[in-house]
Protein backbone atom coordinates (compact mmCIF):
# COMPACT_ATOMS: atom_id res chain seq x y z
CA MET A 1 39.26 -69.30 102.91
CA SER A 2 36.56 -68.29 100.44
CA ASP A 3 34.25 -71.13 99.41
CA GLU A 4 33.16 -71.37 95.79
CA THR A 5 29.47 -70.58 95.38
CA VAL A 6 26.85 -71.08 92.73
CA LYS A 7 23.83 -68.84 92.20
CA ILE A 8 20.58 -70.66 91.52
CA ASN A 9 17.36 -68.64 91.21
CA ASP A 10 19.03 -65.62 92.87
CA VAL A 11 20.19 -67.66 95.88
CA GLU A 12 23.91 -68.27 96.55
CA TYR A 13 24.86 -71.82 97.56
CA PRO A 14 28.31 -72.95 98.69
CA VAL A 15 29.38 -75.68 96.27
CA SER A 16 30.91 -77.66 99.15
CA GLU A 17 27.45 -77.91 100.74
CA LEU A 18 25.84 -79.40 97.64
CA THR A 19 25.33 -83.14 97.51
CA ASN A 20 27.50 -85.23 95.21
CA GLU A 21 24.57 -85.51 92.83
CA GLN A 22 24.04 -81.73 92.83
CA GLN A 23 27.75 -81.14 92.22
CA TYR A 24 27.55 -83.60 89.31
CA PHE A 25 24.59 -81.70 87.85
CA LEU A 26 26.50 -78.43 88.28
CA ALA A 27 29.52 -79.90 86.49
CA GLN A 28 27.26 -81.04 83.64
CA VAL A 29 25.68 -77.58 83.33
CA ASN A 30 29.09 -75.88 83.32
CA ASP A 31 30.45 -78.32 80.74
CA LEU A 32 27.41 -77.84 78.49
CA ARG A 33 27.70 -74.05 78.73
CA ASN A 34 31.36 -74.28 77.72
CA LYS A 35 30.56 -76.59 74.81
CA THR A 36 27.73 -74.31 73.69
CA GLY A 37 30.10 -71.35 73.66
CA GLN A 38 32.68 -73.30 71.67
CA LEU A 39 30.05 -74.39 69.15
CA ARG A 40 28.82 -70.80 68.73
CA PHE A 41 32.42 -69.75 68.09
CA GLN A 42 32.83 -72.51 65.49
CA LEU A 43 29.47 -71.69 63.91
CA ASP A 44 30.54 -68.05 63.50
CA GLN A 45 33.73 -69.23 61.76
CA LEU A 46 31.78 -71.55 59.47
CA ALA A 47 29.18 -68.92 58.61
CA ILE A 48 31.85 -66.36 57.66
CA SER A 49 33.73 -68.97 55.63
CA GLU A 50 30.56 -70.00 53.80
CA GLN A 51 29.78 -66.36 52.99
CA HIS A 52 33.31 -65.80 51.71
CA PHE A 53 33.30 -68.88 49.47
CA SER A 54 29.84 -67.99 48.16
CA LYS A 55 31.12 -64.51 47.30
CA MET A 56 34.16 -66.01 45.58
CA LEU A 57 31.92 -68.36 43.56
CA ILE A 58 29.63 -65.54 42.46
CA GLU A 59 32.57 -63.34 41.48
CA SER A 60 34.13 -66.25 39.59
CA VAL A 61 30.95 -67.04 37.67
CA GLU A 62 29.99 -63.45 36.96
CA GLY A 63 33.54 -62.58 35.95
CA GLU A 64 33.61 -65.18 33.17
CA PRO A 65 32.62 -63.98 29.70
CA GLU A 66 29.22 -65.19 28.62
CA GLU A 67 29.17 -67.91 25.99
CA LYS A 68 27.67 -66.77 22.72
CA THR A 69 25.13 -69.03 21.08
CA VAL A 70 25.10 -69.58 17.36
CA ASN A 71 21.69 -68.99 15.78
């Protein structure tokens, strides 16, 4: 049976040989990496949406006829 390993500073460690505390730290690191990836994904979506709505606003404003002032 192949044991799961983790690479830390170019050294492979079997996860089963880590202490409970070390396994907890590893779980925290993995969870934070996953959350960071999800947040980057969401940030990309938000940035594209913001750009699209900004473009729509500009086109809407520039597409309206200018009001003429009476002198």
